[in-house]
Amino acid sequence: MMEVEYLDLKTGNKAVDKGIGLFNLTESNWSCDCNRGLAFNINDLDDCRNERFIVINAIPETEEEKQLCMADIIRDANSDYI
């Protein structure tokens, strides 16, 4: 699990979310705007896209995650964003 910091490209605001697993961040629920928006208390997005909330930092919590390159995780977490 990781602590993740997001940047809202629309407003410039930042938010932090905790307890996000690597798979969820890069390929599953938290890899798109509809769930990332929850960190900003935005839960009414009309459709789930990949264009507004990008990952700008990820702090690993598990030993396995600490062995990974954070730059690679951030790149993978944002790979679907335009």
N, C-alpha and C. Protein backbone atom coordinates (compact mmCIF):
# COMPACT_ATOMS: atom_id res chain seq x y z
N MET A 1 0.84 -1.18 0.00
CA MET A 1 0.00 0.00 0.00
C MET A 1 0.88 1.24 0.00
N MET A 2 0.36 2.28 -0.62
CA MET A 2 1.14 3.51 -0.75
C MET A 2 0.30 4.72 -0.35
N GLU A 3 1.03 5.76 -0.01
CA GLU A 3 0.43 7.08 0.12
C GLU A 3 0.70 7.77 -1.22
N VAL A 4 -0.36 8.28 -1.83
CA VAL A 4 -0.27 8.83 -3.18
C VAL A 4 -0.68 10.29 -3.16
N GLU A 5 0.09 11.12 -3.86
CA GLU A 5 -0.25 12.53 -4.00
C GLU A 5 -0.66 12.77 -5.45
N TYR A 6 -1.81 13.43 -5.60
CA TYR A 6 -2.36 13.73 -6.92
C TYR A 6 -2.32 15.22 -7.18
N LEU A 7 -2.28 15.58 -8.46
CA LEU A 7 -2.42 16.96 -8.91
C LEU A 7 -3.65 17.04 -9.78
N ASP A 8 -4.53 17.99 -9.47
CA ASP A 8 -5.71 18.24 -10.28
C ASP A 8 -5.29 19.21 -11.39
N LEU A 9 -5.23 18.72 -12.61
CA LEU A 9 -4.78 19.54 -13.74
C LEU A 9 -5.75 20.67 -14.07
N LYS A 10 -6.97 20.56 -13.61
CA LYS A 10 -7.98 21.61 -13.89
C LYS A 10 -7.83 22.78 -12.92
N THR A 11 -7.56 22.50 -11.64
CA THR A 11 -7.52 23.55 -10.63
C THR A 11 -6.13 23.84 -10.08
N GLY A 12 -5.20 22.91 -10.26
CA GLY A 12 -3.87 23.05 -9.68
C GLY A 12 -3.78 22.60 -8.23
N ASN A 13 -4.89 22.15 -7.65
CA ASN A 13 -4.90 21.67 -6.28
C ASN A 13 -4.23 20.31 -6.18
N LYS A 14 -3.73 20.01 -4.98
CA LYS A 14 -3.12 18.72 -4.69
C LYS A 14 -3.90 18.05 -3.58
N ALA A 15 -3.89 16.71 -3.58
CA ALA A 15 -4.55 15.93 -2.54
C ALA A 15 -3.78 14.65 -2.32
N VAL A 16 -3.92 14.09 -1.13
CA VAL A 16 -3.24 12.85 -0.76
C VAL A 16 -4.26 11.78 -0.45
N ASP A 17 -3.96 10.58 -0.88
CA ASP A 17 -4.80 9.41 -0.59
C ASP A 17 -3.88 8.34 -0.03
N LYS A 18 -4.35 7.59 0.93
CA LYS A 18 -3.53 6.57 1.58
C LYS A 18 -4.11 5.19 1.37
N GLY A 19 -3.24 4.20 1.45
CA GLY A 19 -3.67 2.82 1.39
C GLY A 19 -3.99 2.32 -0.01
N ILE A 20 -3.36 2.91 -1.01
CA ILE A 20 -3.62 2.51 -2.40
C ILE A 20 -2.57 1.48 -2.81
N GLY A 21 -3.02 0.35 -3.27
CA GLY A 21 -2.11 -0.69 -3.73
C GLY A 21 -1.59 -0.40 -5.13
N LEU A 22 -0.46 -0.98 -5.44
CA LEU A 22 0.19 -0.76 -6.74
C LEU A 22 -0.72 -1.14 -7.91
N PHE A 23 -1.34 -2.31 -7.86
CA PHE A 23 -2.23 -2.74 -8.94
C PHE A 23 -3.38 -1.76 -9.11
N ASN A 24 -4.02 -1.37 -8.01
CA ASN A 24 -5.14 -0.42 -8.11
C ASN A 24 -4.70 0.91 -8.69
N LEU A 25 -3.52 1.37 -8.32
CA LEU A 25 -3.03 2.67 -8.79
C LEU A 25 -2.71 2.66 -10.27
N THR A 26 -2.19 1.55 -10.77
CA THR A 26 -1.72 1.53 -12.15
C THR A 26 -2.67 0.88 -13.14
N GLU A 27 -3.55 -0.03 -12.67
CA GLU A 27 -4.37 -0.78 -13.61
C GLU A 27 -5.84 -0.94 -13.23
N SER A 28 -6.19 -0.63 -12.01
CA SER A 28 -7.55 -0.93 -11.57
C SER A 28 -8.25 0.34 -11.08
N ASN A 29 -8.97 0.27 -9.98
CA ASN A 29 -9.87 1.33 -9.53
C ASN A 29 -9.26 2.73 -9.46
N TRP A 30 -8.05 2.86 -8.96
CA TRP A 30 -7.46 4.18 -8.78
C TRP A 30 -6.56 4.57 -9.94
N SER A 31 -6.82 3.99 -11.10
CA SER A 31 -6.05 4.36 -12.29
C SER A 31 -6.83 5.31 -13.20
N CYS A 32 -7.94 5.86 -12.68
CA CYS A 32 -8.76 6.77 -13.48
C CYS A 32 -9.34 7.88 -12.60
N ASP A 33 -9.88 8.89 -13.24
CA ASP A 33 -10.35 10.08 -12.55
C ASP A 33 -11.48 9.85 -11.56
N CYS A 34 -12.41 8.94 -11.86
CA CYS A 34 -13.58 8.81 -10.99
C CYS A 34 -13.21 8.41 -9.57
N ASN A 35 -12.20 7.58 -9.39
CA ASN A 35 -11.77 7.23 -8.04
C ASN A 35 -10.72 8.18 -7.49
N ARG A 36 -9.84 8.66 -8.33
CA ARG A 36 -8.83 9.63 -7.87
C ARG A 36 -9.50 10.91 -7.40
N GLY A 37 -10.62 11.25 -8.00
CA GLY A 37 -11.35 12.45 -7.59
C GLY A 37 -11.84 12.39 -6.16
N LEU A 38 -12.02 11.19 -5.63
CA LEU A 38 -12.47 11.06 -4.25
C LEU A 38 -11.48 11.70 -3.27
N ALA A 39 -10.20 11.70 -3.61
CA ALA A 39 -9.21 12.34 -2.75
C ALA A 39 -9.44 13.85 -2.65
N PHE A 40 -10.14 14.41 -3.64
CA PHE A 40 -10.46 15.83 -3.68
C PHE A 40 -11.91 16.09 -3.23
N ASN A 41 -12.55 15.05 -2.72
CA ASN A 41 -13.97 15.11 -2.35
C ASN A 41 -14.86 15.41 -3.55
N ILE A 42 -14.45 14.91 -4.70
CA ILE A 42 -15.25 15.02 -5.92
C ILE A 42 -15.75 13.63 -6.26
N ASN A 43 -17.04 13.43 -6.13
CA ASN A 43 -17.59 12.09 -6.41
C ASN A 43 -18.72 12.13 -7.41
N ASP A 44 -18.82 13.21 -8.17
CA ASP A 44 -19.92 13.34 -9.11
C ASP A 44 -19.44 13.55 -10.54
N LEU A 45 -18.30 12.97 -10.88
CA LEU A 45 -17.82 13.10 -12.25
C LEU A 45 -18.79 12.39 -13.19
N ASP A 46 -19.13 13.05 -14.30
CA ASP A 46 -20.12 12.50 -15.22
C ASP A 46 -19.68 11.19 -15.85
N ASP A 47 -18.46 11.10 -16.24
CA ASP A 47 -17.94 9.83 -16.74
C ASP A 47 -16.48 9.71 -16.34
N CYS A 48 -16.03 8.50 -16.28
CA CYS A 48 -14.68 8.26 -15.79
C CYS A 48 -13.69 8.36 -16.94
N ARG A 49 -12.81 9.31 -16.84
CA ARG A 49 -11.81 9.54 -17.88
C ARG A 49 -10.42 9.44 -17.28
N ASN A 50 -9.45 9.69 -18.10
CA ASN A 50 -8.06 9.73 -17.68
C ASN A 50 -7.45 11.02 -18.19
N GLU A 51 -7.85 12.13 -17.55
CA GLU A 51 -7.34 13.41 -18.04
C GLU A 51 -7.18 14.48 -16.98
N ARG A 52 -7.67 14.26 -15.76
CA ARG A 52 -7.68 15.36 -14.80
C ARG A 52 -6.73 15.17 -13.61
N PHE A 53 -6.70 13.99 -13.00
CA PHE A 53 -5.95 13.79 -11.75
C PHE A 53 -4.75 12.88 -11.98
N ILE A 54 -3.56 13.48 -11.99
CA ILE A 54 -2.36 12.69 -12.22
C ILE A 54 -1.61 12.45 -10.90
N VAL A 55 -0.86 11.39 -10.85
CA VAL A 55 -0.03 11.07 -9.70
C VAL A 55 1.27 11.86 -9.81
N ILE A 56 1.62 12.58 -8.73
CA ILE A 56 2.88 13.33 -8.74
C ILE A 56 3.86 12.79 -7.70
N ASN A 57 3.39 11.95 -6.79
CA ASN A 57 4.27 11.34 -5.80
C ASN A 57 3.61 10.08 -5.26
N ALA A 58 4.44 9.11 -4.93
CA ALA A 58 3.96 7.88 -4.32
C ALA A 58 4.97 7.45 -3.28
N ILE A 59 4.51 7.25 -2.06
CA ILE A 59 5.38 6.85 -0.97
C ILE A 59 5.05 5.41 -0.61
N PRO A 60 5.99 4.49 -0.84
CA PRO A 60 5.72 3.08 -0.58
C PRO A 60 5.65 2.80 0.91
N GLU A 61 4.81 1.82 1.26
CA GLU A 61 4.67 1.42 2.65
C GLU A 61 5.16 0.01 2.90
N THR A 62 5.07 -0.87 1.90
CA THR A 62 5.49 -2.25 2.10
C THR A 62 6.94 -2.42 1.64
N GLU A 63 7.57 -3.45 2.15
CA GLU A 63 8.96 -3.73 1.76
C GLU A 63 9.06 -4.01 0.27
N GLU A 64 8.10 -4.72 -0.28
CA GLU A 64 8.10 -5.02 -1.71
C GLU A 64 8.04 -3.74 -2.54
N GLU A 65 7.17 -2.82 -2.15
CA GLU A 65 7.04 -1.56 -2.88
C GLU A 65 8.29 -0.70 -2.75
N LYS A 66 8.97 -0.80 -1.61
CA LYS A 66 10.18 0.00 -1.39
C LYS A 66 11.31 -0.42 -2.33
N GLN A 67 11.21 -1.61 -2.89
CA GLN A 67 12.23 -2.09 -3.83
C GLN A 67 11.99 -1.57 -5.25
N LEU A 68 10.83 -1.01 -5.50
CA LEU A 68 10.46 -0.53 -6.84
C LEU A 68 10.92 0.91 -7.04
N CYS A 69 11.09 1.27 -8.27
CA CYS A 69 11.47 2.64 -8.63
C CYS A 69 10.21 3.50 -8.64
N MET A 70 10.18 4.53 -7.81
CA MET A 70 8.98 5.37 -7.72
C MET A 70 8.72 6.11 -9.02
N ALA A 71 9.76 6.48 -9.75
CA ALA A 71 9.56 7.15 -11.04
C ALA A 71 8.81 6.23 -12.00
N ASP A 72 9.13 4.94 -11.97
CA ASP A 72 8.43 3.98 -12.82
C ASP A 72 6.97 3.83 -12.39
N ILE A 73 6.73 3.82 -11.09
CA ILE A 73 5.35 3.70 -10.59
C ILE A 73 4.54 4.91 -11.03
N ILE A 74 5.09 6.10 -10.87
CA ILE A 74 4.39 7.31 -11.27
C ILE A 74 4.12 7.31 -12.76
N ARG A 75 5.11 6.92 -13.55
CA ARG A 75 4.93 6.83 -15.01
C ARG A 75 3.81 5.85 -15.35
N ASP A 76 3.83 4.67 -14.74
CA ASP A 76 2.81 3.66 -15.01
C ASP A 76 1.42 4.13 -14.54
N ALA A 77 1.37 4.82 -13.42
CA ALA A 77 0.08 5.30 -12.89
C ALA A 77 -0.54 6.35 -13.80
N ASN A 78 0.28 7.06 -14.56
CA ASN A 78 -0.21 8.11 -15.44
C ASN A 78 -0.19 7.71 -16.93
N SER A 79 0.11 6.48 -17.22
CA SER A 79 0.30 6.07 -18.61
C SER A 79 -0.96 6.20 -19.47
N ASP A 80 -2.14 6.13 -18.89
CA ASP A 80 -3.38 6.24 -19.67
C ASP A 80 -3.86 7.68 -19.81
N TYR A 81 -3.15 8.62 -19.20
CA TYR A 81 -3.57 10.01 -19.25
C TYR A 81 -3.08 10.69 -20.51
N ILE A 82 -3.90 11.58 -21.03
CA ILE A 82 -3.57 12.26 -22.29
C ILE A 82 -2.90 13.59 -22.04
